[in-house]
């Protein structure tokens, strides 16, 4: 989130808080519902406010966040 903080530290904190709240409320209660990502038992969910993709692994009631990233649409 350092790249967001270059423009606005306040906004970077809001993005982080939103992602954490989303993970806490959606992913922690229903980890098995989201889209399978590949054959490594990974799943994918998109945080709706800022559109960050969260890749995670779910096994034996444990959710392990693998990565969080944002896609940017490039129009040519």
Protein backbone atom coordinates (compact mmCIF):
# COMPACT_ATOMS: atom_id res chain seq x y z
CA UNK A 1 0.00 0.00 0.00
CA UNK A 2 3.04 2.26 -0.05
CA UNK A 3 2.18 3.40 -3.58
CA UNK A 4 -1.22 4.67 -2.37
CA UNK A 5 0.39 6.42 0.60
CA UNK A 6 2.51 8.47 -1.80
CA UNK A 7 -0.68 10.25 -2.86
CA UNK A 8 -2.66 10.05 0.38
CA UNK A 9 -1.77 8.39 3.64
CA UNK A 10 -5.39 8.76 4.77
CA UNK A 11 -6.68 6.94 1.68
CA UNK A 12 -4.12 4.13 2.02
CA UNK A 13 -5.30 3.53 5.59
CA UNK A 14 -8.93 3.46 4.42
CA UNK A 15 -8.10 0.90 1.71
CA UNK A 16 -6.32 -1.34 4.21
CA UNK A 17 -9.14 -1.05 6.75
CA UNK A 18 -11.74 -1.85 4.08
CA UNK A 19 -9.87 -4.95 2.90
CA UNK A 20 -9.39 -6.21 6.46
CA UNK A 21 -13.07 -5.67 7.31
CA UNK A 22 -14.11 -7.44 4.12
CA UNK A 23 -11.89 -10.42 4.89
CA UNK A 24 -13.16 -10.52 8.46
CA UNK A 25 -16.84 -10.34 7.53
CA UNK A 26 -17.01 -12.31 4.28
CA UNK A 27 -14.07 -14.59 3.96
CA UNK A 28 -13.79 -15.73 7.55
CA UNK A 29 -17.45 -16.82 7.68
CA UNK A 30 -17.83 -18.34 4.19
CA UNK A 31 -14.38 -19.31 2.88
CA UNK A 32 -15.65 -22.28 0.86
CA UNK A 33 -18.13 -20.23 -1.22
CA UNK A 34 -15.73 -18.25 -3.37
CA UNK A 35 -14.33 -19.04 -6.79
CA UNK A 36 -11.63 -21.70 -7.14
CA UNK A 37 -8.47 -20.24 -8.61
CA UNK A 38 -6.41 -23.27 -9.69
CA UNK A 39 -5.59 -26.83 -8.65
CA UNK A 40 -3.45 -25.81 -5.67
CA UNK A 41 -6.59 -25.53 -3.56
CA UNK A 42 -6.52 -21.76 -3.96
CA UNK A 43 -9.56 -19.54 -4.13
CA UNK A 44 -10.19 -16.00 -5.25
CA UNK A 45 -12.49 -13.27 -4.01
CA UNK A 46 -12.75 -9.63 -5.08
CA UNK A 47 -13.19 -6.92 -2.46
CA UNK A 48 -16.09 -4.86 -3.91
CA UNK A 49 -15.28 -1.32 -2.79
CA UNK A 50 -11.76 -0.88 -4.15
CA UNK A 51 -11.71 -4.00 -6.38
CA UNK A 52 -8.71 -5.76 -4.86
CA UNK A 53 -8.32 -9.45 -5.66
CA UNK A 54 -7.60 -11.67 -2.67
CA UNK A 55 -6.07 -15.08 -3.32
CA UNK A 56 -6.30 -17.46 -0.39
CA UNK A 57 -6.08 -21.10 0.64
CA UNK A 58 -8.73 -22.72 2.82
CA UNK A 59 -8.09 -26.00 4.59
CA UNK A 60 -9.25 -27.48 7.88
CA UNK A 61 -10.95 -24.28 9.08
CA UNK A 62 -7.82 -22.20 8.38
CA UNK A 63 -7.82 -19.34 5.88
CA UNK A 64 -4.37 -18.41 4.62
CA UNK A 65 -4.09 -15.22 2.55
CA UNK A 66 -1.62 -15.81 -0.27
CA UNK A 67 -1.68 -12.42 -1.96
CA UNK A 68 -3.75 -9.27 -2.44
CA UNK A 69 -3.44 -7.25 -5.62
CA UNK A 70 -5.26 -4.73 -7.78
CA UNK A 71 -5.82 -5.02 -11.49
CA UNK A 72 -5.82 -1.96 -13.66
CA UNK A 73 -7.68 -2.01 -16.93
CA UNK A 74 -5.48 -0.91 -19.80
CA UNK A 75 -7.26 0.46 -22.86
CA UNK A 76 -5.28 0.66 -26.10
